[in-house]
C-alpha atoms as a PDB file:
ATOM      1  CA  MET A   1      31.982 -89.221  55.942  1.00  0.00           C
ATOM      2  CA  GLY A   2      33.329 -92.627  56.228  1.00  0.00           C
ATOM      3  CA  ASN A   3      31.781 -95.785  57.817  1.00  0.00           C
ATOM      4  CA  THR A   4      33.372 -95.083  61.514  1.00  0.00           C
ATOM      5  CA  ALA A   5      31.426 -91.686  61.609  1.00  0.00           C
ATOM      6  CA  LYS A   6      28.407 -93.415  60.220  1.00  0.00           C
ATOM      7  CA  THR A   7      28.666 -95.833  63.221  1.00  0.00           C
ATOM      8  CA  HIS A   8      29.153 -93.215  65.828  1.00  0.00           C
ATOM      9  CA  LEU A   9      26.221 -91.029  64.547  1.00  0.00           C
ATOM     10  CA  ALA A  10      23.802 -94.158  64.630  1.00  0.00           C
ATOM     11  CA  ALA A  11      24.842 -95.117  68.041  1.00  0.00           C
ATOM     12  CA  ASP A  12      24.914 -91.758  70.087  1.00  0.00           C
ATOM     13  CA  PRO A  13      21.627 -90.119  70.976  1.00  0.00           C
ATOM     14  CA  ARG A  14      23.559 -87.012  71.504  1.00  0.00           C
ATOM     15  CA  ILE A  15      24.214 -86.188  67.898  1.00  0.00           C
ATOM     16  CA  GLU A  16      20.200 -86.832  67.268  1.00  0.00           C
ATOM     17  CA  HIS A  17      19.692 -84.203  70.169  1.00  0.00           C
ATOM     18  CA  VAL A  18      22.288 -81.604  68.846  1.00  0.00           C
ATOM     19  CA  THR A  19      21.141 -82.220  65.089  1.00  0.00           C
ATOM     20  CA  PHE A  20      17.424 -81.718  66.035  1.00  0.00           C
ATOM     21  CA  ASN A  21      18.072 -78.749  68.294  1.00  0.00           C
ATOM     22  CA  LEU A  22      20.662 -77.018  66.290  1.00  0.00           C
ATOM     23  CA  LYS A  23      19.001 -77.846  62.922  1.00  0.00           C
ATOM     24  CA  LEU A  24      22.011 -79.500  61.382  1.00  0.00           C
ATOM     25  CA  VAL A  25      22.343 -81.455  58.206  1.00  0.00           C
ATOM     26  CA  LYS A  26      24.500 -84.135  57.322  1.00  0.00           C
ATOM     27  CA  ARG A  27      27.255 -81.907  55.584  1.00  0.00           C
ATOM     28  CA  ASP A  28      27.425 -80.029  59.158  1.00  0.00           C
ATOM     29  CA  ILE A  29      27.861 -83.472  60.925  1.00  0.00           C
ATOM     30  CA  ALA A  30      30.848 -84.224  58.543  1.00  0.00           C
ATOM     31  CA  GLU A  31      32.619 -81.175  59.450  1.00  0.00           C
ATOM     32  CA  PHE A  32      32.261 -81.573  62.914  1.00  0.00           C
ATOM     33  CA  TRP A  33      33.744 -85.224  62.056  1.00  0.00           C
ATOM     34  CA  GLU A  34      36.639 -84.022  59.971  1.00  0.00           C
ATOM     35  CA  THR A  35      37.972 -81.730  62.857  1.00  0.00           C
ATOM     36  CA  PHE A  36      37.221 -84.670  65.600  1.00  0.00           C
ATOM     37  CA  LYS A  37      39.179 -87.207  63.620  1.00  0.00           C
ATOM     38  CA  LYS A  38      42.289 -84.862  63.457  1.00  0.00           C
ATOM     39  CA  TYR A  39      42.694 -85.497  66.868  1.00  0.00           C
ATOM     40  CA  ASP A  40      41.632 -89.041  67.272  1.00  0.00           C
ATOM     41  CA  TYR A  41      45.023 -90.050  66.751  1.00  0.00           C
ATOM     42  CA  ASP A  42      44.098 -94.112  67.723  1.00  0.00           C
ATOM     43  CA  CYS A  43      41.021 -94.190  65.586  1.00  0.00           C
ATOM     44  CA  GLU A  44      39.219 -95.172  68.756  1.00  0.00           C
ATOM     45  CA  GLY A  45      36.471 -92.810  68.547  1.00  0.00           C
ATOM     46  CA  LYS A  46      37.748 -90.394  71.279  1.00  0.00           C
ATOM     47  CA  ILE A  47      39.993 -87.507  71.606  1.00  0.00           C
ATOM     48  CA  HIS A  48      41.780 -86.031  74.753  1.00  0.00           C
ATOM     49  CA  LEU A  49      40.583 -82.806  75.960  1.00  0.00           C
ATOM     50  CA  GLN A  50      43.922 -81.528  76.292  1.00  0.00           C
ATOM     51  CA  GLU A  51      45.039 -82.515  72.840  1.00  0.00           C
ATOM     52  CA  PHE A  52      41.836 -80.640  71.709  1.00  0.00           C
ATOM     53  CA  MET A  53      42.377 -77.605  73.601  1.00  0.00           C
ATOM     54  CA  GLU A  54      46.133 -76.890  73.153  1.00  0.00           C
ATOM     55  CA  LYS A  55      46.407 -78.482  69.441  1.00  0.00           C
ATOM     56  CA  CYS A  56      42.884 -77.331  67.852  1.00  0.00           C
ATOM     57  CA  VAL A  57      41.616 -74.349  69.849  1.00  0.00           C
ATOM     58  CA  LYS A  58      45.216 -73.250  70.754  1.00  0.00           C
ATOM     59  CA  GLU A  59      44.338 -72.462  74.403  1.00  0.00           C
ATOM     60  CA  LYS A  60      45.792 -74.118  77.622  1.00  0.00           C
ATOM     61  CA  ARG A  61      43.408 -76.560  79.229  1.00  0.00           C
ATOM     62  CA  ASN A  62      42.095 -74.930  82.436  1.00  0.00           C
ATOM     63  CA  PHE A  63      38.874 -74.761  84.620  1.00  0.00           C
ATOM     64  CA  LEU A  64      36.842 -73.093  81.834  1.00  0.00           C
ATOM     65  CA  ALA A  65      37.829 -75.943  79.530  1.00  0.00           C
ATOM     66  CA  ASP A  66      36.671 -78.545  82.180  1.00  0.00           C
ATOM     67  CA  GLY A  67      33.503 -76.901  82.790  1.00  0.00           C
ATOM     68  CA  SER A  68      32.513 -76.822  79.212  1.00  0.00           C
ATOM     69  CA  VAL A  69      32.526 -80.563  79.066  1.00  0.00           C
ATOM     70  CA  GLU A  70      31.008 -80.914  82.482  1.00  0.00           C
ATOM     71  CA  LEU A  71      27.878 -79.113  81.034  1.00  0.00           C
ATOM     72  CA  VAL A  72      26.839 -82.015  79.353  1.00  0.00           C
ATOM     73  CA  ASP A  73      27.662 -84.786  81.374  1.00  0.00           C
ATOM     74  CA  VAL A  74      30.294 -86.511  79.895  1.00  0.00           C
ATOM     75  CA  ASP A  75      31.475 -90.197  81.076  1.00  0.00           C
ATOM     76  CA  ASP A  76      35.079 -89.266  81.521  1.00  0.00           C
ATOM     77  CA  PRO A  77      36.388 -85.653  81.662  1.00  0.00           C
ATOM     78  CA  ASP A  78      39.581 -86.334  80.096  1.00  0.00           C
ATOM     79  CA  TRP A  79      38.380 -88.077  77.003  1.00  0.00           C
ATOM     80  CA  LEU A  80      35.454 -87.340  74.609  1.00  0.00           C
ATOM     81  CA  ASN A  81      33.482 -89.470  72.151  1.00  0.00           C
ATOM     82  CA  PHE A  82      32.176 -87.976  69.113  1.00  0.00           C
ATOM     83  CA  GLY A  83      28.764 -87.120  70.613  1.00  0.00           C
ATOM     84  CA  GLU A  84      30.263 -85.585  73.641  1.00  0.00           C
ATOM     85  CA  TYR A  85      32.718 -83.526  71.695  1.00  0.00           C
ATOM     86  CA  VAL A  86      29.650 -82.254  69.419  1.00  0.00           C
ATOM     87  CA  GLN A  87      27.124 -81.451  72.303  1.00  0.00           C
ATOM     88  CA  ALA A  88      29.988 -79.587  74.303  1.00  0.00           C
ATOM     89  CA  VAL A  89      31.528 -77.289  71.682  1.00  0.00           C
ATOM     90  CA  SER A  90      27.655 -76.882  70.505  1.00  0.00           C
ATOM     91  CA  THR A  91      26.686 -75.631  73.891  1.00  0.00           C
ATOM     92  CA  PHE A  92      29.620 -73.501  74.867  1.00  0.00           C
ATOM     93  CA  CYS A  93      29.550 -71.960  71.301  1.00  0.00           C
ATOM     94  CA  CYS A  94      26.052 -70.967  71.381  1.00  0.00           C
ATOM     95  CA  PHE A  95      26.424 -69.133  74.514  1.00  0.00           C
ATOM     96  CA  GLU A  96      25.385 -65.311  74.294  1.00  0.00           C
ATOM     97  CA  GLU A  97      27.557 -62.662  76.157  1.00  0.00           C
ATOM     98  CA  MET A  98      25.069 -62.920  79.341  1.00  0.00           C
ATOM     99  CA  GLU A  99      25.242 -66.936  79.400  1.00  0.00           C
ATOM    100  CA  VAL A 100      29.267 -66.780  79.255  1.00  0.00           C
ATOM    101  CA  LEU A 101      29.028 -64.596  82.434  1.00  0.00           C
ATOM    102  CA  GLN A 102      26.682 -67.087  83.995  1.00  0.00           C
ATOM    103  CA  PHE A 103      28.799 -69.922  83.274  1.00  0.00           C
ATOM    104  CA  CYS A 104      31.981 -68.181  84.557  1.00  0.00           C
ATOM    105  CA  PHE A 105      30.198 -67.088  87.707  1.00  0.00           C
ATOM    106  CA  PHE A 106      28.813 -70.535  88.153  1.00  0.00           C
ATOM    107  CA  LEU A 107      32.257 -71.936  88.240  1.00  0.00           C
ATOM    108  CA  PHE A 108      33.701 -69.147  90.492  1.00  0.00           C
ATOM    109  CA  ASP A 109      30.971 -69.946  92.984  1.00  0.00           C
ATOM    110  CA  ARG A 110      32.537 -73.069  94.411  1.00  0.00           C
ATOM    111  CA  GLU A 111      29.861 -73.743  97.179  1.00  0.00           C
ATOM    112  CA  LYS A 112      26.877 -72.969  94.747  1.00  0.00           C
ATOM    113  CA  HIS A 113      25.636 -70.560  97.160  1.00  0.00           C
ATOM    114  CA  GLY A 114      24.499 -67.898  94.522  1.00  0.00           C
ATOM    115  CA  TYR A 115      27.506 -65.592  95.572  1.00  0.00           C
ATOM    116  CA  ILE A 116      31.190 -65.330  95.069  1.00  0.00           C
ATOM    117  CA  MET A 117      33.626 -64.752  97.953  1.00  0.00           C
ATOM    118  CA  GLN A 118      36.508 -62.491  97.802  1.00  0.00           C
ATOM    119  CA  ASP A 119      39.057 -64.728  97.877  1.00  0.00           C
ATOM    120  CA  ALA A 120      37.577 -67.015  95.284  1.00  0.00           C
ATOM    121  CA  LEU A 121      37.125 -64.073  92.854  1.00  0.00           C
ATOM    122  CA  VAL A 122      40.811 -63.306  92.864  1.00  0.00           C
ATOM    123  CA  PHE A 123      41.903 -66.927  92.661  1.00  0.00           C
ATOM    124  CA  TYR A 124      39.519 -67.781  89.661  1.00  0.00           C
ATOM    125  CA  ILE A 125      40.439 -64.449  87.580  1.00  0.00           C
ATOM    126  CA  ASP A 126      44.326 -65.297  88.214  1.00  0.00           C
ATOM    127  CA  ALA A 127      43.276 -68.962  86.894  1.00  0.00           C
ATOM    128  CA  LEU A 128      41.335 -67.524  84.186  1.00  0.00           C
ATOM    129  CA  HIS A 129      44.590 -65.445  83.210  1.00  0.00           C
ATOM    130  CA  ASN A 130      46.529 -68.781  83.509  1.00  0.00           C
ATOM    131  CA  HIS A 131      48.555 -67.482  86.673  1.00  0.00           C
ATOM    132  CA  GLN A 132      50.228 -64.953  84.574  1.00  0.00           C
ATOM    133  CA  GLN A 133      51.042 -61.422  85.598  1.00  0.00           C
ATOM    134  CA  LEU A 134      47.895 -59.473  85.789  1.00  0.00           C
ATOM    135  CA  SER A 135      47.729 -56.158  84.052  1.00  0.00           C
ATOM    136  CA  ALA A 136      47.487 -52.931  85.958  1.00  0.00           C
ATOM    137  CA  ASN A 137      43.960 -52.533  84.870  1.00  0.00           C
ATOM    138  CA  ILE A 138      42.758 -55.887  86.127  1.00  0.00           C
ATOM    139  CA  ARG A 139      44.506 -55.290  89.674  1.00  0.00           C
ATOM    140  CA  HIS A 140      43.045 -51.965  89.765  1.00  0.00           C
ATOM    141  CA  GLY A 141      39.573 -53.685  88.921  1.00  0.00           C
ATOM    142  CA  LEU A 142      39.970 -56.377  91.728  1.00  0.00           C
ATOM    143  CA  ASN A 143      41.381 -53.690  94.273  1.00  0.00           C
ATOM    144  CA  ASN A 144      38.121 -51.609  93.708  1.00  0.00           C
ATOM    145  CA  VAL A 145      35.399 -54.198  93.922  1.00  0.00           C
ATOM    146  CA  ASN A 146      32.746 -53.522  96.402  1.00  0.00           C
ATOM    147  CA  PHE A 147      32.262 -56.372  98.338  1.00  0.00           C
ATOM    148  CA  HIS A 148      29.428 -56.681 100.898  1.00  0.00           C
ATOM    149  CA  GLU A 149      30.445 -56.462 104.356  1.00  0.00           C
ATOM    150  CA  ASP A 150      30.258 -60.244 104.444  1.00  0.00           C
ATOM    151  CA  GLY A 151      32.601 -60.290 101.805  1.00  0.00           C
ATOM    152  CA  ARG A 152      30.008 -61.657  99.263  1.00  0.00           C
ATOM    153  CA  PHE A 153      29.648 -60.849  95.457  1.00  0.00           C
ATOM    154  CA  ASP A 154      26.325 -61.373  93.814  1.00  0.00           C
ATOM    155  CA  PHE A 155      25.883 -61.848  89.973  1.00  0.00           C
ATOM    156  CA  MET A 156      24.550 -58.358  89.000  1.00  0.00           C
ATOM    157  CA  GLU A 157      27.658 -57.224  90.398  1.00  0.00           C
ATOM    158  CA  PHE A 158      29.833 -59.349  88.331  1.00  0.00           C
ATOM    159  CA  VAL A 159      27.884 -58.433  85.371  1.00  0.00           C
ATOM    160  CA  LYS A 160      29.186 -54.804  86.230  1.00  0.00           C
ATOM    161  CA  LEU A 161      32.489 -55.710  86.909  1.00  0.00           C
ATOM    162  CA  ASN A 162      32.547 -56.899  83.223  1.00  0.00           C
ATOM    163  CA  LYS A 163      31.448 -53.997  82.187  1.00  0.00           C
ATOM    164  CA  ASP A 164      33.875 -51.761  83.969  1.00  0.00           C
ATOM    165  CA  TYR A 165      36.708 -54.045  83.442  1.00  0.00           C
ATOM    166  CA  PRO A 166      36.257 -56.098  80.511  1.00  0.00           C
ATOM    167  CA  GLN A 167      39.683 -57.565  80.214  1.00  0.00           C
ATOM    168  CA  MET A 168      39.067 -59.415  83.636  1.00  0.00           C
ATOM    169  CA  ILE A 169      36.639 -61.995  82.051  1.00  0.00           C
ATOM    170  CA  TYR A 170      38.283 -61.514  78.330  1.00  0.00           C
ATOM    171  CA  PRO A 171      39.973 -64.837  78.572  1.00  0.00           C
ATOM    172  CA  ALA A 172      36.453 -66.660  78.607  1.00  0.00           C
ATOM    173  CA  PHE A 173      35.179 -65.072  75.685  1.00  0.00           C
ATOM    174  CA  ARG A 174      38.552 -65.550  73.842  1.00  0.00           C
ATOM    175  CA  LEU A 175      38.258 -69.308  74.337  1.00  0.00           C
ATOM    176  CA  GLN A 176      34.730 -69.121  73.002  1.00  0.00           C
ATOM    177  CA  GLN A 177      35.857 -67.257  70.220  1.00  0.00           C
ATOM    178  CA  LYS A 178      38.854 -69.435  69.361  1.00  0.00           C
ATOM    179  CA  MET A 179      36.492 -72.641  69.577  1.00  0.00           C
ATOM    180  CA  MET A 180      34.232 -71.055  67.315  1.00  0.00           C
ATOM    181  CA  MET A 181      36.939 -70.128  64.830  1.00  0.00           C
ATOM    182  CA  TYR A 182      38.877 -73.664  64.781  1.00  0.00           C
ATOM    183  CA  THR A 183      35.829 -75.848  64.827  1.00  0.00           C
ATOM    184  CA  MET A 184      33.070 -74.670  62.288  1.00  0.00           C
ATOM    185  CA  GLY A 185      34.282 -71.069  61.859  1.00  0.00           C
ATOM    186  CA  GLU A 186      33.024 -67.803  63.422  1.00  0.00           C
ATOM    187  CA  ALA A 187      30.670 -66.990  60.722  1.00  0.00           C
ATOM    188  CA  TRP A 188      28.724 -70.602  60.605  1.00  0.00           C
ATOM    189  CA  TRP A 189      28.295 -70.019  64.510  1.00  0.00           C
ATOM    190  CA  LYS A 190      27.189 -66.615  64.377  1.00  0.00           C
ATOM    191  CA  ASN A 191      24.656 -67.623  61.477  1.00  0.00           C
ATOM    192  CA  ARG A 192      23.453 -70.728  63.609  1.00  0.00           C
ATOM    193  CA  LYS A 193      22.870 -68.470  66.627  1.00  0.00           C
ATOM    194  CA  ALA A 194      20.989 -65.824  64.676  1.00  0.00           C
ATOM    195  CA  LEU A 195      18.779 -68.956  63.298  1.00  0.00           C
ATOM    196  CA  LEU A 196      18.054 -70.331  66.601  1.00  0.00           C
ATOM    197  CA  ALA A 197      17.484 -66.606  68.146  1.00  0.00           C
ATOM    198  CA  ALA A 198      14.821 -66.357  65.035  1.00  0.00           C
ATOM    199  CA  ASP A 199      13.236 -69.504  65.976  1.00  0.00           C
ATOM    200  CA  ALA A 200      12.824 -68.539  69.604  1.00  0.00           C
ATOM    201  CA  GLU A 201      11.159 -65.582  68.506  1.00  0.00           C
ATOM    202  CA  ASN A 202       8.680 -66.835  66.185  1.00  0.00           C
ATOM    203  CA  MET A 203       7.952 -69.520  68.862  1.00  0.00           C
ATOM    204  CA  LYS A 204       7.154 -66.572  71.287  1.00  0.00           C
ATOM    205  CA  GLU A 205       4.598 -65.309  68.741  1.00  0.00           C
ATOM    206  CA  MET A 206       3.059 -68.243  67.803  1.00  0.00           C
ATOM    207  CA  THR A 207      -0.846 -68.081  67.468  1.00  0.00           C
ATOM    208  CA  ASP A 208      -3.093 -70.856  68.536  1.00  0.00           C
ATOM    209  CA  SER A 209      -3.928 -71.734  65.121  1.00  0.00           C
ATOM    210  CA  GLN A 210      -0.164 -72.145  64.693  1.00  0.00           C
ATOM    211  CA  LYS A 211       0.055 -74.073  67.720  1.00  0.00           C
ATOM    212  CA  ARG A 212      -2.151 -76.457  66.953  1.00  0.00           C
ATOM    213  CA  HIS A 213      -0.441 -76.946  63.389  1.00  0.00           C
ATOM    214  CA  GLU A 214       2.595 -77.403  65.187  1.00  0.00           C
ATOM    215  CA  LEU A 215       1.208 -80.088  67.736  1.00  0.00           C
ATOM    216  CA  LYS A 216      -0.346 -81.803  64.353  1.00  0.00           C
ATOM    217  CA  ARG A 217       3.355 -81.904  62.941  1.00  0.00           C
ATOM    218  CA  ARG A 218       4.829 -83.249  65.954  1.00  0.00           C
ATOM    219  CA  ALA A 219       2.499 -86.072  66.441  1.00  0.00           C
ATOM    220  CA  LYS A 220       3.267 -87.026  62.885  1.00  0.00           C
ATOM    221  CA  ASP A 221       6.869 -87.136  63.510  1.00  0.00           C
ATOM    222  CA  ARG A 222       6.509 -88.992  66.436  1.00  0.00           C
ATOM    223  CA  GLN A 223       4.405 -91.595  64.606  1.00  0.00           C
ATOM    224  CA  SER A 224       7.196 -91.688  61.924  1.00  0.00           C
ATOM    225  CA  LYS A 225       9.771 -92.179  64.624  1.00  0.00           C
ATOM    226  CA  ILE A 226       7.668 -95.286  66.069  1.00  0.00           C
ATOM    227  CA  ARG A 227       7.401 -96.674  62.810  1.00  0.00           C
ATOM    228  CA  ASN A 228      11.044 -96.403  61.761  1.00  0.00           C
ATOM    229  CA  ASN A 229      11.842 -97.916  64.987  1.00  0.00           C
ATOM    230  CA  MET A 230       9.568-100.734  64.920  1.00  0.00           C
ATOM    231  CA  GLY A 231       9.330-101.507  61.553  1.00  0.00           C
ATOM    232  CA  ALA A 232       6.486-101.079  59.233  1.00  0.00           C
ATOM    233  CA  ILE A 233       5.020-104.560  59.626  1.00  0.00           C
ATOM    234  CA  ASP A 234       5.414-104.668  63.653  1.00  0.00           C
ATOM    235  CA  TYR A 235       3.974-101.003  63.656  1.00  0.00           C
ATOM    236  CA  TYR A 236       0.764-101.972  61.995  1.00  0.00           C
ATOM    237  CA  THR A 237       0.303-105.390  63.426  1.00  0.00           C
ATOM    238  CA  GLN A 238       1.650-104.660  66.896  1.00  0.00           C
ATOM    239  CA  TYR A 239       0.956-101.164  67.493  1.00  0.00           C
ATOM    240  CA  TYR A 240      -1.308 -99.081  65.566  1.00  0.00           C
ATOM    241  CA  PHE A 241      -4.190-101.259  65.984  1.00  0.00           C
ATOM    242  CA  ARG A 242      -3.315-102.747  69.506  1.00  0.00           C
ATOM    243  CA  PRO A 243      -4.070-100.043  72.364  1.00  0.00           C
ATOM    244  CA  ASP A 244      -2.795-102.619  74.975  1.00  0.00           C
ATOM    245  CA  GLN A 245       0.761-101.874  73.307  1.00  0.00           C
ATOM    246  CA  TRP A 246       0.359 -98.050  73.378  1.00  0.00           C
ATOM    247  CA  LYS A 247       1.525 -97.583  77.029  1.00  0.00           C
ATOM    248  CA  SER A 248       4.851 -99.283  76.540  1.00  0.00           C
ATOM    249  CA  VAL A 249       5.520 -97.385  73.188  1.00  0.00           C
ATOM    250  CA  ASP A 250       4.415 -94.195  74.716  1.00  0.00           C
ATOM    251  CA  ASP A 251       6.908 -94.192  77.240  1.00  0.00           C
ATOM    252  CA  ASN A 252       9.733 -94.460  74.728  1.00  0.00           C
ATOM    253  CA  PHE A 253       8.287 -91.705  72.616  1.00  0.00           C
ATOM    254  CA  PRO A 254       6.215 -89.474  74.768  1.00  0.00           C
ATOM    255  CA  LYS A 255       3.188 -87.500  73.452  1.00  0.00           C
ATOM    256  CA  PHE A 256       3.789 -83.661  73.047  1.00  0.00           C
ATOM    257  CA  THR A 257       0.865 -81.785  74.311  1.00  0.00           C
ATOM    258  CA  MET A 258      -0.212 -78.004  74.359  1.00  0.00           C
ATOM    259  CA  GLU A 259       1.039 -77.671  77.851  1.00  0.00           C
ATOM    260  CA  ASP A 260       4.616 -78.807  76.615  1.00  0.00           C
ATOM    261  CA  LEU A 261       4.586 -76.448  73.656  1.00  0.00           C
ATOM    262  CA  ASN A 262       3.473 -73.472  76.276  1.00  0.00           C
ATOM    263  CA  ARG A 263       6.166 -74.576  78.495  1.00  0.00           C
ATOM    264  CA  GLU A 264       8.555 -74.851  75.589  1.00  0.00           C
ATOM    265  CA  GLU A 265       7.448 -71.089  74.595  1.00  0.00           C
ATOM    266  CA  GLU A 266       8.047 -69.671  78.083  1.00  0.00           C
ATOM    267  CA  GLU A 267      11.455 -71.375  78.333  1.00  0.00           C
ATOM    268  CA  ALA A 268      12.511 -69.769  74.936  1.00  0.00           C
ATOM    269  CA  ALA A 269      11.499 -66.400  76.134  1.00  0.00           C
ATOM    270  CA  LYS A 270      14.045 -66.856  79.149  1.00  0.00           C
ATOM    271  CA  ALA A 271      16.644 -68.932  77.720  1.00  0.00           C
ATOM    272  CA  GLY A 272      19.271 -67.936  75.090  1.00  0.00           C
ATOM    273  CA  PRO A 273      20.157 -70.311  72.047  1.00  0.00           C
ATOM    274  CA  ALA A 274      22.559 -72.309  73.957  1.00  0.00           C
ATOM    275  CA  ALA A 275      19.770 -73.951  76.226  1.00  0.00           C
ATOM    276  CA  ALA A 276      18.647 -75.825  73.243  1.00  0.00           C
ATOM    277  CA  MET A 277      22.006 -78.071  73.494  1.00  0.00           C
ATOM    278  CA  LYS A 278      21.728 -78.979  77.281  1.00  0.00           C
END
C-alpha cells in the first residue's frame, strides 16, 4: 500500500473507527487508498471535494455532496484527508433508502424544525436537479403537494412524495449509486451492507449467555489494546499490578458493560448499517 498510506492509517483514528465498524481488512483499506491517491495530485495526503465529485463520482458538487462530508465533521469542507474521505464515503454509501430520504429531508429543513416549508422544498428540488429544466412529472408532483395550511411539509409526507414521484429525489440515489460504483464497486457495498444488517439482526437475537461471552471477548480486546498502547513491560509493571493507575487508563479505554451492550442492541434495532460509521 505504500509508506504514505501506512502513515495516514497509523495517524488517523477515523480509519480505525471505520475499519472496526465496517469489518474491513487491509485489502479493503488498500483499495480505498488506490482511489484516494488518484486525486491527491500534490501527494499532500488530501483531495479536493470538487475534484473527487466531478472526476471520480462524475457528478457536480452540490449541497448533497457538501452534506455528505459534513455528516462526519470534517476540518475543511473543501478538502478531505484520507480518514475523512473513507468515513464520509462509507457513511453515505451505507445509507439504506429510508436513510437517504432522512438525509435529504434534514438538508431541506434549513432551520431544523422537523418540517419543510413550501419555498424550501421547491428550492432544494430545483437544486437537486442542478437547476435544470424539471420534467413535467416533477412539476406535476410539486404542484400537487398537499402542504398544511401553514405551508409545512413533514417527513412522512416527504416519504410519500418519493413513492408517488420517485424522479423527484432520484438524483440523491444516483449520487449514492455512482459513489458506490466508482469507489469500491456496487457489489462490494451491497455485500458489506448485507453483512452489517446480518450482524445487527444477530445482535438483536443475542441470548444472555452470548452476551456474557461477548462481554468477555470485548474485555479481552480492551486489555490487548491497553497492552499494545503501553508496551508489555509498562503494562505489567505500571498498570496490571497497580490499581492506582487504573483510572487514568480507564479514561482512555472505557470498560464495556452489560448496559452498554443492551444499549447497542437497542440502537442496532433502530438504525441502519450507516449508523455505525457516524
